[in-house]
PDB file of N, CA and C in Angstrom:
ATOM      1  N   MET A   1      -0.090-159.764   9.393  1.00  0.00           N
ATOM      2  CA  MET A   1      -0.702-158.567   8.865  1.00  0.00           C
ATOM      3  C   MET A   1       0.217-157.374   9.180  1.00  0.00           C
ATOM      4  N   ASN A   2       0.535-156.567   8.176  1.00  0.00           N
ATOM      5  CA  ASN A   2       1.380-155.401   8.436  1.00  0.00           C
ATOM      6  C   ASN A   2       0.535-154.251   8.988  1.00  0.00           C
ATOM      7  N   SER A   3       1.188-153.187   9.407  1.00  0.00           N
ATOM      8  CA  SER A   3       0.478-152.100  10.086  1.00  0.00           C
ATOM      9  C   SER A   3      -0.527-151.397   9.161  1.00  0.00           C
ATOM     10  N   HIS A   4      -0.222-151.299   7.866  1.00  0.00           N
ATOM     11  CA  HIS A   4      -1.175-150.667   6.948  1.00  0.00           C
ATOM     12  C   HIS A   4      -2.425-151.535   6.786  1.00  0.00           C
ATOM     13  N   GLU A   5      -2.265-152.840   6.742  1.00  0.00           N
ATOM     14  CA  GLU A   5      -3.423-153.738   6.650  1.00  0.00           C
ATOM     15  C   GLU A   5      -4.274-153.657   7.911  1.00  0.00           C
ATOM     16  N   VAL A   6      -3.625-153.552   9.069  1.00  0.00           N
ATOM     17  CA  VAL A   6      -4.360-153.381  10.329  1.00  0.00           C
ATOM     18  C   VAL A   6      -5.114-152.051  10.302  1.00  0.00           C
ATOM     19  N   LEU A   7      -4.455-151.006   9.812  1.00  0.00           N
ATOM     20  CA  LEU A   7      -5.096-149.697   9.682  1.00  0.00           C
ATOM     21  C   LEU A   7      -6.375-149.800   8.856  1.00  0.00           C
ATOM     22  N   MET A   8      -6.307-150.467   7.721  1.00  0.00           N
ATOM     23  CA  MET A   8      -7.473-150.580   6.850  1.00  0.00           C
ATOM     24  C   MET A   8      -8.581-151.412   7.501  1.00  0.00           C
ATOM     25  N   LEU A   9      -8.205-152.454   8.225  1.00  0.00           N
ATOM     26  CA  LEU A   9      -9.188-153.271   8.939  1.00  0.00           C
ATOM     27  C   LEU A   9      -9.909-152.420   9.984  1.00  0.00           C
ATOM     28  N   VAL A  10      -9.159-151.599  10.709  1.00  0.00           N
ATOM     29  CA  VAL A  10      -9.738-150.719  11.733  1.00  0.00           C
ATOM     30  C   VAL A  10     -10.683-149.705  11.085  1.00  0.00           C
ATOM     31  N   ALA A  11     -10.259-149.088   9.993  1.00  0.00           N
ATOM     32  CA  ALA A  11     -11.095-148.096   9.311  1.00  0.00           C
ATOM     33  C   ALA A  11     -12.391-148.729   8.824  1.00  0.00           C
ATOM     34  N   ARG A  12     -12.303-149.924   8.277  1.00  0.00           N
ATOM     35  CA  ARG A  12     -13.499-150.639   7.791  1.00  0.00           C
ATOM     36  C   ARG A  12     -14.448-150.952   8.948  1.00  0.00           C
ATOM     37  N   ALA A  13     -13.892-151.438  10.064  1.00  0.00           N
ATOM     38  CA  ALA A  13     -14.720-151.780  11.230  1.00  0.00           C
ATOM     39  C   ALA A  13     -15.404-150.537  11.789  1.00  0.00           C
ATOM     40  N   ALA A  14     -14.684-149.431  11.873  1.00  0.00           N
ATOM     41  CA  ALA A  14     -15.273-148.187  12.377  1.00  0.00           C
ATOM     42  C   ALA A  14     -16.384-147.713  11.447  1.00  0.00           C
ATOM     43  N   ASP A  15     -16.128-147.772  10.153  1.00  0.00           N
ATOM     44  CA  ASP A  15     -17.123-147.361   9.170  1.00  0.00           C
ATOM     45  C   ASP A  15     -18.366-148.251   9.231  1.00  0.00           C
ATOM     46  N   ASP A  16     -18.172-149.540   9.467  1.00  0.00           N
ATOM     47  CA  ASP A  16     -19.302-150.474   9.562  1.00  0.00           C
ATOM     48  C   ASP A  16     -20.268-150.094  10.678  1.00  0.00           C
ATOM     49  N   LYS A  17     -19.769-149.435  11.715  1.00  0.00           N
ATOM     50  CA  LYS A  17     -20.618-149.001  12.836  1.00  0.00           C
ATOM     51  C   LYS A  17     -20.925-147.511  12.761  1.00  0.00           C
ATOM     52  N   ARG A  18     -20.765-146.959  11.567  1.00  0.00           N
ATOM     53  CA  ARG A  18     -21.124-145.574  11.280  1.00  0.00           C
ATOM     54  C   ARG A  18     -20.347-144.540  12.096  1.00  0.00           C
ATOM     55  N   ALA A  19     -19.076-144.838  12.360  1.00  0.00           N
ATOM     56  CA  ALA A  19     -18.218-143.839  12.998  1.00  0.00           C
ATOM     57  C   ALA A  19     -18.140-142.623  12.085  1.00  0.00           C
ATOM     58  N   GLU A  20     -17.994-141.466  12.668  1.00  0.00           N
ATOM     59  CA  GLU A  20     -17.949-140.234  11.882  1.00  0.00           C
ATOM     60  C   GLU A  20     -16.548-139.654  11.860  1.00  0.00           C
ATOM     61  N   ASP A  21     -16.249-138.959  10.770  1.00  0.00           N
ATOM     62  CA  ASP A  21     -14.989-138.243  10.578  1.00  0.00           C
ATOM     63  C   ASP A  21     -13.779-139.117  10.934  1.00  0.00           C
ATOM     64  N   ILE A  22     -13.673-140.257  10.259  1.00  0.00           N
ATOM     65  CA  ILE A  22     -12.570-141.197  10.505  1.00  0.00           C
ATOM     66  C   ILE A  22     -11.303-140.641   9.869  1.00  0.00           C
ATOM     67  N   LEU A  23     -10.303-140.388  10.708  1.00  0.00           N
ATOM     68  CA  LEU A  23      -9.014-139.888  10.235  1.00  0.00           C
ATOM     69  C   LEU A  23      -7.920-140.856  10.641  1.00  0.00           C
ATOM     70  N   ALA A  24      -6.941-140.997   9.792  1.00  0.00           N
ATOM     71  CA  ALA A  24      -5.761-141.796  10.120  1.00  0.00           C
ATOM     72  C   ALA A  24      -4.542-140.897   9.994  1.00  0.00           C
ATOM     73  N   LEU A  25      -3.778-140.817  11.060  1.00  0.00           N
ATOM     74  CA  LEU A  25      -2.550-140.027  11.062  1.00  0.00           C
ATOM     75  C   LEU A  25      -1.365-140.964  10.915  1.00  0.00           C
ATOM     76  N   ASN A  26      -0.500-140.673   9.974  1.00  0.00           N
ATOM     77  CA  ASN A  26       0.708-141.470   9.771  1.00  0.00           C
ATOM     78  C   ASN A  26       1.759-140.968  10.753  1.00  0.00           C
ATOM     79  N   MET A  27       2.052-141.769  11.757  1.00  0.00           N
ATOM     80  CA  MET A  27       2.952-141.365  12.844  1.00  0.00           C
ATOM     81  C   MET A  27       4.386-141.857  12.623  1.00  0.00           C
ATOM     82  N   GLN A  28       4.633-142.502  11.501  1.00  0.00           N
ATOM     83  CA  GLN A  28       5.968-143.024  11.227  1.00  0.00           C
ATOM     84  C   GLN A  28       6.968-141.875  11.165  1.00  0.00           C
ATOM     85  N   GLY A  29       8.002-141.984  11.956  1.00  0.00           N
ATOM     86  CA  GLY A  29       9.014-140.938  12.027  1.00  0.00           C
ATOM     87  C   GLY A  29       8.691-139.828  13.012  1.00  0.00           C
ATOM     88  N   LEU A  30       7.462-139.803  13.507  1.00  0.00           N
ATOM     89  CA  LEU A  30       7.052-138.780  14.480  1.00  0.00           C
ATOM     90  C   LEU A  30       6.907-139.337  15.888  1.00  0.00           C
ATOM     91  N   SER A  31       6.609-140.617  15.975  1.00  0.00           N
ATOM     92  CA  SER A  31       6.369-141.238  17.269  1.00  0.00           C
ATOM     93  C   SER A  31       6.888-142.675  17.249  1.00  0.00           C
ATOM     94  N   SER A  32       7.506-143.058  18.331  1.00  0.00           N
ATOM     95  CA  SER A  32       7.958-144.449  18.441  1.00  0.00           C
ATOM     96  C   SER A  32       6.851-145.341  19.010  1.00  0.00           C
ATOM     97  N   ILE A  33       5.736-144.750  19.365  1.00  0.00           N
ATOM     98  CA  ILE A  33       4.626-145.486  19.978  1.00  0.00           C
ATOM     99  C   ILE A  33       3.894-146.353  18.950  1.00  0.00           C
ATOM    100  N   ALA A  34       3.613-145.773  17.782  1.00  0.00           N
ATOM    101  CA  ALA A  34       2.803-146.484  16.786  1.00  0.00           C
ATOM    102  C   ALA A  34       3.085-145.925  15.393  1.00  0.00           C
ATOM    103  N   ASP A  35       2.728-146.717  14.379  1.00  0.00           N
ATOM    104  CA  ASP A  35       2.832-146.264  12.988  1.00  0.00           C
ATOM    105  C   ASP A  35       1.651-145.370  12.607  1.00  0.00           C
ATOM    106  N   TYR A  36       0.466-145.680  13.159  1.00  0.00           N
ATOM    107  CA  TYR A  36      -0.743-144.938  12.812  1.00  0.00           C
ATOM    108  C   TYR A  36      -1.592-144.682  14.050  1.00  0.00           C
ATOM    109  N   PHE A  37      -2.223-143.511  14.082  1.00  0.00           N
ATOM    110  CA  PHE A  37      -3.292-143.196  15.022  1.00  0.00           C
ATOM    111  C   PHE A  37      -4.561-143.091  14.186  1.00  0.00           C
ATOM    112  N   VAL A  38      -5.619-143.721  14.652  1.00  0.00           N
ATOM    113  CA  VAL A  38      -6.925-143.570  14.026  1.00  0.00           C
ATOM    114  C   VAL A  38      -7.799-142.806  15.006  1.00  0.00           C
ATOM    115  N   ILE A  39      -8.475-141.795  14.498  1.00  0.00           N
ATOM    116  CA  ILE A  39      -9.344-140.965  15.323  1.00  0.00           C
ATOM    117  C   ILE A  39     -10.714-140.937  14.662  1.00  0.00           C
ATOM    118  N   CYS A  40     -11.743-141.201  15.458  1.00  0.00           N
ATOM    119  CA  CYS A  40     -13.113-141.135  14.953  1.00  0.00           C
ATOM    120  C   CYS A  40     -14.037-140.829  16.122  1.00  0.00           C
ATOM    121  N   HIS A  41     -15.316-140.638  15.829  1.00  0.00           N
ATOM    122  CA  HIS A  41     -16.260-140.413  16.921  1.00  0.00           C
ATOM    123  C   HIS A  41     -17.630-140.992  16.612  1.00  0.00           C
ATOM    124  N   GLY A  42     -18.360-141.169  17.710  1.00  0.00           N
ATOM    125  CA  GLY A  42     -19.753-141.582  17.651  1.00  0.00           C
ATOM    126  C   GLY A  42     -20.595-140.504  18.305  1.00  0.00           C
ATOM    127  N   ASN A  43     -21.904-140.568  18.101  1.00  0.00           N
ATOM    128  CA  ASN A  43     -22.794-139.521  18.596  1.00  0.00           C
ATOM    129  C   ASN A  43     -23.494-139.869  19.901  1.00  0.00           C
ATOM    130  N   SER A  44     -23.256-141.063  20.427  1.00  0.00           N
ATOM    131  CA  SER A  44     -23.853-141.459  21.702  1.00  0.00           C
ATOM    132  C   SER A  44     -22.917-142.457  22.387  1.00  0.00           C
ATOM    133  N   ASP A  45     -23.140-142.657  23.675  1.00  0.00           N
ATOM    134  CA  ASP A  45     -22.333-143.630  24.419  1.00  0.00           C
ATOM    135  C   ASP A  45     -22.437-145.010  23.770  1.00  0.00           C
ATOM    136  N   LYS A  46     -23.655-145.392  23.417  1.00  0.00           N
ATOM    137  CA  LYS A  46     -23.874-146.718  22.827  1.00  0.00           C
ATOM    138  C   LYS A  46     -23.143-146.861  21.486  1.00  0.00           C
ATOM    139  N   GLN A  47     -23.150-145.815  20.684  1.00  0.00           N
ATOM    140  CA  GLN A  47     -22.462-145.890  19.400  1.00  0.00           C
ATOM    141  C   GLN A  47     -20.951-145.962  19.600  1.00  0.00           C
ATOM    142  N   VAL A  48     -20.416-145.186  20.534  1.00  0.00           N
ATOM    143  CA  VAL A  48     -18.983-145.239  20.828  1.00  0.00           C
ATOM    144  C   VAL A  48     -18.600-146.661  21.231  1.00  0.00           C
ATOM    145  N   GLN A  49     -19.399-147.272  22.094  1.00  0.00           N
ATOM    146  CA  GLN A  49     -19.119-148.648  22.519  1.00  0.00           C
ATOM    147  C   GLN A  49     -19.250-149.631  21.363  1.00  0.00           C
ATOM    148  N   ALA A  50     -20.231-149.432  20.501  1.00  0.00           N
ATOM    149  CA  ALA A  50     -20.410-150.334  19.353  1.00  0.00           C
ATOM    150  C   ALA A  50     -19.216-150.242  18.401  1.00  0.00           C
ATOM    151  N   ILE A  51     -18.713-149.038  18.169  1.00  0.00           N
ATOM    152  CA  ILE A  51     -17.543-148.854  17.302  1.00  0.00           C
ATOM    153  C   ILE A  51     -16.336-149.549  17.912  1.00  0.00           C
ATOM    154  N   ALA A  52     -16.102-149.304  19.192  1.00  0.00           N
ATOM    155  CA  ALA A  52     -14.946-149.899  19.876  1.00  0.00           C
ATOM    156  C   ALA A  52     -15.047-151.422  19.902  1.00  0.00           C
ATOM    157  N   ARG A  53     -16.236-151.936  20.164  1.00  0.00           N
ATOM    158  CA  ARG A  53     -16.437-153.393  20.214  1.00  0.00           C
ATOM    159  C   ARG A  53     -16.176-154.021  18.847  1.00  0.00           C
ATOM    160  N   GLU A  54     -16.648-153.373  17.780  1.00  0.00           N
ATOM    161  CA  GLU A  54     -16.452-153.898  16.426  1.00  0.00           C
ATOM    162  C   GLU A  54     -14.965-153.929  16.070  1.00  0.00           C
ATOM    163  N   ILE A  55     -14.239-152.880  16.425  1.00  0.00           N
ATOM    164  CA  ILE A  55     -12.801-152.842  16.141  1.00  0.00           C
ATOM    165  C   ILE A  55     -12.091-153.944  16.916  1.00  0.00           C
ATOM    166  N   LYS A  56     -12.424-154.095  18.193  1.00  0.00           N
ATOM    167  CA  LYS A  56     -11.812-155.145  19.025  1.00  0.00           C
ATOM    168  C   LYS A  56     -12.129-156.530  18.458  1.00  0.00           C
ATOM    169  N   ASP A  57     -13.394-156.753  18.117  1.00  0.00           N
ATOM    170  CA  ASP A  57     -13.805-158.064  17.597  1.00  0.00           C
ATOM    171  C   ASP A  57     -13.116-158.392  16.272  1.00  0.00           C
ATOM    172  N   LYS A  58     -13.045-157.426  15.364  1.00  0.00           N
ATOM    173  CA  LYS A  58     -12.393-157.667  14.063  1.00  0.00           C
ATOM    174  C   LYS A  58     -10.897-157.924  14.251  1.00  0.00           C
ATOM    175  N   ALA A  59     -10.281-157.210  15.178  1.00  0.00           N
ATOM    176  CA  ALA A  59      -8.860-157.446  15.457  1.00  0.00           C
ATOM    177  C   ALA A  59      -8.664-158.876  15.959  1.00  0.00           C
ATOM    178  N   GLN A  60      -9.470-159.284  16.914  1.00  0.00           N
ATOM    179  CA  GLN A  60      -9.332-160.631  17.471  1.00  0.00           C
ATOM    180  C   GLN A  60      -9.621-161.704  16.431  1.00  0.00           C
ATOM    181  N   GLU A  61     -10.612-161.484  15.571  1.00  0.00           N
ATOM    182  CA  GLU A  61     -10.919-162.436  14.496  1.00  0.00           C
ATOM    183  C   GLU A  61      -9.727-162.624  13.565  1.00  0.00           C
ATOM    184  N   ASN A  62      -8.928-161.578  13.425  1.00  0.00           N
ATOM    185  CA  ASN A  62      -7.769-161.618  12.539  1.00  0.00           C
ATOM    186  C   ASN A  62      -6.467-161.860  13.291  1.00  0.00           C
ATOM    187  N   GLU A  63      -6.603-162.337  14.525  1.00  0.00           N
ATOM    188  CA  GLU A  63      -5.463-162.707  15.373  1.00  0.00           C
ATOM    189  C   GLU A  63      -4.505-161.545  15.609  1.00  0.00           C
ATOM    190  N   ILE A  64      -5.075-160.352  15.745  1.00  0.00           N
ATOM    191  CA  ILE A  64      -4.307-159.160  16.105  1.00  0.00           C
ATOM    192  C   ILE A  64      -4.502-158.964  17.601  1.00  0.00           C
ATOM    193  N   GLU A  65      -3.405-158.886  18.318  1.00  0.00           N
ATOM    194  CA  GLU A  65      -3.482-158.746  19.769  1.00  0.00           C
ATOM    195  C   GLU A  65      -4.008-157.361  20.147  1.00  0.00           C
ATOM    196  N   VAL A  66      -5.022-157.354  21.007  1.00  0.00           N
ATOM    197  CA  VAL A  66      -5.504-156.103  21.593  1.00  0.00           C
ATOM    198  C   VAL A  66      -4.701-155.922  22.875  1.00  0.00           C
ATOM    199  N   LYS A  67      -3.685-155.076  22.803  1.00  0.00           N
ATOM    200  CA  LYS A  67      -2.772-154.898  23.928  1.00  0.00           C
ATOM    201  C   LYS A  67      -3.436-154.183  25.091  1.00  0.00           C
ATOM    202  N   ARG A  68      -4.343-153.280  24.763  1.00  0.00           N
ATOM    203  CA  ARG A  68      -5.009-152.512  25.806  1.00  0.00           C
ATOM    204  C   ARG A  68      -6.290-151.917  25.252  1.00  0.00           C
ATOM    205  N   LEU A  69      -7.314-151.894  26.092  1.00  0.00           N
ATOM    206  CA  LEU A  69      -8.570-151.235  25.759  1.00  0.00           C
ATOM    207  C   LEU A  69      -8.986-150.465  27.009  1.00  0.00           C
ATOM    208  N   GLU A  70      -9.066-149.164  26.896  1.00  0.00           N
ATOM    209  CA  GLU A  70      -9.393-148.321  28.049  1.00  0.00           C
ATOM    210  C   GLU A  70     -10.549-147.398  27.733  1.00  0.00           C
ATOM    211  N   GLY A  71     -11.357-147.100  28.749  1.00  0.00           N
ATOM    212  CA  GLY A  71     -12.431-146.122  28.632  1.00  0.00           C
ATOM    213  C   GLY A  71     -13.729-146.652  28.076  1.00  0.00           C
ATOM    214  N   PHE A  72     -13.842-147.968  27.915  1.00  0.00           N
ATOM    215  CA  PHE A  72     -15.032-148.549  27.275  1.00  0.00           C
ATOM    216  C   PHE A  72     -16.302-148.248  28.065  1.00  0.00           C
ATOM    217  N   ASP A  73     -16.269-148.442  29.377  1.00  0.00           N
ATOM    218  CA  ASP A  73     -17.487-148.268  30.186  1.00  0.00           C
ATOM    219  C   ASP A  73     -17.984-146.828  30.197  1.00  0.00           C
ATOM    220  N   ALA A  74     -17.058-145.866  30.294  1.00  0.00           N
ATOM    221  CA  ALA A  74     -17.453-144.452  30.309  1.00  0.00           C
ATOM    222  C   ALA A  74     -17.886-143.979  28.926  1.00  0.00           C
ATOM    223  N   ALA A  75     -17.308-144.569  27.878  1.00  0.00           N
ATOM    224  CA  ALA A  75     -17.669-144.291  26.477  1.00  0.00           C
ATOM    225  C   ALA A  75     -17.527-142.821  26.091  1.00  0.00           C
ATOM    226  N   LYS A  76     -16.560-142.143  26.665  1.00  0.00           N
ATOM    227  CA  LYS A  76     -16.271-140.760  26.276  1.00  0.00           C
ATOM    228  C   LYS A  76     -15.045-140.709  25.372  1.00  0.00           C
ATOM    229  N   TRP A  77     -14.040-141.545  25.700  1.00  0.00           N
ATOM    230  CA  TRP A  77     -12.823-141.662  24.900  1.00  0.00           C
ATOM    231  C   TRP A  77     -12.325-143.084  25.102  1.00  0.00           C
ATOM    232  N   VAL A  78     -12.509-143.918  24.111  1.00  0.00           N
ATOM    233  CA  VAL A  78     -12.046-145.307  24.182  1.00  0.00           C
ATOM    234  C   VAL A  78     -10.742-145.399  23.400  1.00  0.00           C
ATOM    235  N   LEU A  79      -9.727-145.914  24.065  1.00  0.00           N
ATOM    236  CA  LEU A  79      -8.430-146.110  23.437  1.00  0.00           C
ATOM    237  C   LEU A  79      -8.228-147.602  23.221  1.00  0.00           C
ATOM    238  N   ILE A  80      -7.897-147.975  22.001  1.00  0.00           N
ATOM    239  CA  ILE A  80      -7.644-149.370  21.658  1.00  0.00           C
ATOM    240  C   ILE A  80      -6.235-149.452  21.099  1.00  0.00           C
ATOM    241  N   ASP A  81      -5.375-150.152  21.825  1.00  0.00           N
ATOM    242  CA  ASP A  81      -3.972-150.292  21.433  1.00  0.00           C
ATOM    243  C   ASP A  81      -3.803-151.624  20.709  1.00  0.00           C
ATOM    244  N   LEU A  82      -3.528-151.541  19.416  1.00  0.00           N
ATOM    245  CA  LEU A  82      -3.306-152.734  18.597  1.00  0.00           C
ATOM    246  C   LEU A  82      -1.835-152.842  18.191  1.00  0.00           C
ATOM    247  N   GLY A  83      -0.970-152.251  18.987  1.00  0.00           N
ATOM    248  CA  GLY A  83       0.454-152.292  18.682  1.00  0.00           C
ATOM    249  C   GLY A  83       0.845-151.148  17.773  1.00  0.00           C
ATOM    250  N   ASP A  84       0.999-151.424  16.485  1.00  0.00           N
ATOM    251  CA  ASP A  84       1.411-150.398  15.527  1.00  0.00           C
ATOM    252  C   ASP A  84       0.283-149.449  15.136  1.00  0.00           C
ATOM    253  N   VAL A  85      -0.940-149.775  15.540  1.00  0.00           N
ATOM    254  CA  VAL A  85      -2.096-148.918  15.272  1.00  0.00           C
ATOM    255  C   VAL A  85      -2.803-148.657  16.596  1.00  0.00           C
ATOM    256  N   ILE A  86      -2.954-147.379  16.923  1.00  0.00           N
ATOM    257  CA  ILE A  86      -3.669-146.997  18.137  1.00  0.00           C
ATOM    258  C   ILE A  86      -4.927-146.255  17.714  1.00  0.00           C
ATOM    259  N   VAL A  87      -6.051-146.693  18.255  1.00  0.00           N
ATOM    260  CA  VAL A  87      -7.352-146.164  17.853  1.00  0.00           C
ATOM    261  C   VAL A  87      -7.947-145.343  18.996  1.00  0.00           C
ATOM    262  N   HIS A  88      -8.438-144.165  18.650  1.00  0.00           N
ATOM    263  CA  HIS A  88      -9.107-143.279  19.594  1.00  0.00           C
ATOM    264  C   HIS A  88     -10.548-143.124  19.122  1.00  0.00           C
ATOM    265  N   VAL A  89     -11.487-143.678  19.880  1.00  0.00           N
ATOM    266  CA  VAL A  89     -12.902-143.549  19.550  1.00  0.00           C
ATOM    267  C   VAL A  89     -13.505-142.592  20.577  1.00  0.00           C
ATOM    268  N   PHE A  90     -13.884-141.427  20.115  1.00  0.00           N
ATOM    269  CA  PHE A  90     -14.407-140.391  20.993  1.00  0.00           C
ATOM    270  C   PHE A  90     -15.917-140.301  20.925  1.00  0.00           C
ATOM    271  N   HIS A  91     -16.507-139.799  21.999  1.00  0.00           N
ATOM    272  CA  HIS A  91     -17.861-139.261  21.946  1.00  0.00           C
ATOM    273  C   HIS A  91     -17.707-137.908  21.257  1.00  0.00           C
ATOM    274  N   ARG A  92     -18.649-137.515  20.437  1.00  0.00           N
ATOM    275  CA  ARG A  92     -18.543-136.291  19.635  1.00  0.00           C
ATOM    276  C   ARG A  92     -18.075-135.079  20.453  1.00  0.00           C
ATOM    277  N   ASP A  93     -18.651-134.867  21.624  1.00  0.00           N
ATOM    278  CA  ASP A  93     -18.304-133.695  22.440  1.00  0.00           C
ATOM    279  C   ASP A  93     -16.869-133.751  22.943  1.00  0.00           C
ATOM    280  N   GLU A  94     -16.391-134.928  23.263  1.00  0.00           N
ATOM    281  CA  GLU A  94     -15.037-135.092  23.781  1.00  0.00           C
ATOM    282  C   GLU A  94     -13.993-134.893  22.684  1.00  0.00           C
ATOM    283  N   ARG A  95     -14.331-135.281  21.494  1.00  0.00           N
ATOM    284  CA  ARG A  95     -13.351-135.173  20.404  1.00  0.00           C
ATOM    285  C   ARG A  95     -12.919-133.730  20.182  1.00  0.00           C
ATOM    286  N   SER A  96     -13.863-132.836  20.141  1.00  0.00           N
ATOM    287  CA  SER A  96     -13.502-131.435  19.911  1.00  0.00           C
ATOM    288  C   SER A  96     -12.745-130.860  21.110  1.00  0.00           C
ATOM    289  N   TYR A  97     -13.025-131.348  22.293  1.00  0.00           N
ATOM    290  CA  TYR A  97     -12.330-130.860  23.487  1.00  0.00           C
ATOM    291  C   TYR A  97     -10.847-131.257  23.458  1.00  0.00           C
ATOM    292  N   TYR A  98     -10.563-132.528  23.176  1.00  0.00           N
ATOM    293  CA  TYR A  98      -9.172-133.000  23.191  1.00  0.00           C
ATOM    294  C   TYR A  98      -8.406-132.656  21.913  1.00  0.00           C
ATOM    295  N   ASN A  99      -9.106-132.584  20.798  1.00  0.00           N
ATOM    296  CA  ASN A  99      -8.552-132.120  19.525  1.00  0.00           C
ATOM    297  C   ASN A  99      -7.180-132.742  19.202  1.00  0.00           C
ATOM    298  N   LEU A 100      -7.123-134.068  19.166  1.00  0.00           N
ATOM    299  CA  LEU A 100      -5.864-134.754  18.868  1.00  0.00           C
ATOM    300  C   LEU A 100      -5.325-134.418  17.481  1.00  0.00           C
ATOM    301  N   GLU A 101      -6.225-134.124  16.564  1.00  0.00           N
ATOM    302  CA  GLU A 101      -5.776-133.766  15.217  1.00  0.00           C
ATOM    303  C   GLU A 101      -4.856-132.547  15.257  1.00  0.00           C
ATOM    304  N   LYS A 102      -5.190-131.587  16.099  1.00  0.00           N
ATOM    305  CA  LYS A 102      -4.352-130.392  16.209  1.00  0.00           C
ATOM    306  C   LYS A 102      -3.071-130.702  16.978  1.00  0.00           C
ATOM    307  N   LEU A 103      -3.192-131.497  18.037  1.00  0.00           N
ATOM    308  CA  LEU A 103      -2.030-131.868  18.840  1.00  0.00           C
ATOM    309  C   LEU A 103      -0.967-132.551  17.981  1.00  0.00           C
ATOM    310  N   TRP A 104      -1.409-133.434  17.089  1.00  0.00           N
ATOM    311  CA  TRP A 104      -0.506-134.151  16.193  1.00  0.00           C
ATOM    312  C   TRP A 104      -0.581-133.566  14.787  1.00  0.00           C
ATOM    313  N   GLY A 105      -0.682-132.256  14.682  1.00  0.00           N
ATOM    314  CA  GLY A 105      -0.844-131.575  13.402  1.00  0.00           C
ATOM    315  C   GLY A 105       0.287-131.781  12.415  1.00  0.00           C
ATOM    316  N   ASP A 106       1.470-132.180  12.907  1.00  0.00           N
ATOM    317  CA  ASP A 106       2.602-132.437  12.010  1.00  0.00           C
ATOM    318  C   ASP A 106       2.479-133.764  11.275  1.00  0.00           C
ATOM    319  N   ALA A 107       1.597-134.625  11.751  1.00  0.00           N
ATOM    320  CA  ALA A 107       1.453-135.957  11.154  1.00  0.00           C
ATOM    321  C   ALA A 107       0.637-135.871   9.868  1.00  0.00           C
ATOM    322  N   PRO A 108       1.137-136.458   8.789  1.00  0.00           N
ATOM    323  CA  PRO A 108       0.359-136.447   7.544  1.00  0.00           C
ATOM    324  C   PRO A 108      -0.847-137.385   7.651  1.00  0.00           C
ATOM    325  N   LEU A 109      -1.901-137.029   6.945  1.00  0.00           N
ATOM    326  CA  LEU A 109      -3.091-137.878   6.890  1.00  0.00           C
ATOM    327  C   LEU A 109      -2.840-139.057   5.964  1.00  0.00           C
ATOM    328  N   GLU A 110      -3.335-140.200   6.358  1.00  0.00           N
ATOM    329  CA  GLU A 110      -3.263-141.407   5.536  1.00  0.00           C
ATOM    330  C   GLU A 110      -4.652-141.626   4.940  1.00  0.00           C
ATOM    331  N   ASN A 111      -4.722-141.869   3.655  1.00  0.00           N
ATOM    332  CA  ASN A 111      -6.006-142.072   3.003  1.00  0.00           C
ATOM    333  C   ASN A 111      -6.538-143.467   3.313  1.00  0.00           C
ATOM    334  N   VAL A 112      -7.688-143.525   3.992  1.00  0.00           N
ATOM    335  CA  VAL A 112      -8.308-144.816   4.312  1.00  0.00           C
ATOM    336  C   VAL A 112      -9.673-144.955   3.648  1.00  0.00           C
ATOM    337  N   SER A 113      -9.993-144.044   2.742  1.00  0.00           N
ATOM    338  CA  SER A 113     -11.323-144.057   2.139  1.00  0.00           C
ATOM    339  C   SER A 113     -11.630-145.335   1.363  1.00  0.00           C
ATOM    340  N   GLU A 114     -10.602-146.014   0.855  1.00  0.00           N
ATOM    341  CA  GLU A 114     -10.860-147.265   0.120  1.00  0.00           C
ATOM    342  C   GLU A 114     -11.425-148.358   1.028  1.00  0.00           C
ATOM    343  N   ALA A 115     -11.303-148.186   2.345  1.00  0.00           N
ATOM    344  CA  ALA A 115     -11.832-149.171   3.286  1.00  0.00           C
ATOM    345  C   ALA A 115     -13.327-148.983   3.524  1.00  0.00           C
ATOM    346  N   PHE A 116     -13.858-147.821   3.144  1.00  0.00           N
ATOM    347  CA  PHE A 116     -15.242-147.505   3.464  1.00  0.00           C
ATOM    348  C   PHE A 116     -16.207-148.124   2.466  1.00  0.00           C
ATOM    349  N   SER A 117     -17.347-148.523   2.980  1.00  0.00           N
ATOM    350  CA  SER A 117     -18.395-149.074   2.119  1.00  0.00           C
ATOM    351  C   SER A 117     -19.434-147.969   1.892  1.00  0.00           C
ATOM    352  N   TYR A 118     -19.507-147.502   0.673  1.00  0.00           N
ATOM    353  CA  TYR A 118     -20.445-146.420   0.358  1.00  0.00           C
ATOM    354  C   TYR A 118     -21.722-146.951  -0.186  1.00  0.00           C
TER     355      TYR A 118
END
């Protein structure tokens, strides 16, 4: 699976658990860490954990290595490292505080809306 396919799988999994304001930043040429950052949030600790669990489970089902998963128990900012795609699942209040979208403001947005089930 290439990095764009992983990105779409992550966006679909997040959407399936009703993640809000799902954004994908194209980090190619801006960061050697990953091709894409995905940023989304949930409105409660339980929802943040459900989103993170769904992304982890879908990655594993598709034989994508979960290199690292941090912050799951606290459920304020869960980081899921899938190699070329790094996912940030925030609690709503934490997302505005850290404001990664502004920090990485030079990164163009990647359209992931085709992954969403309306």
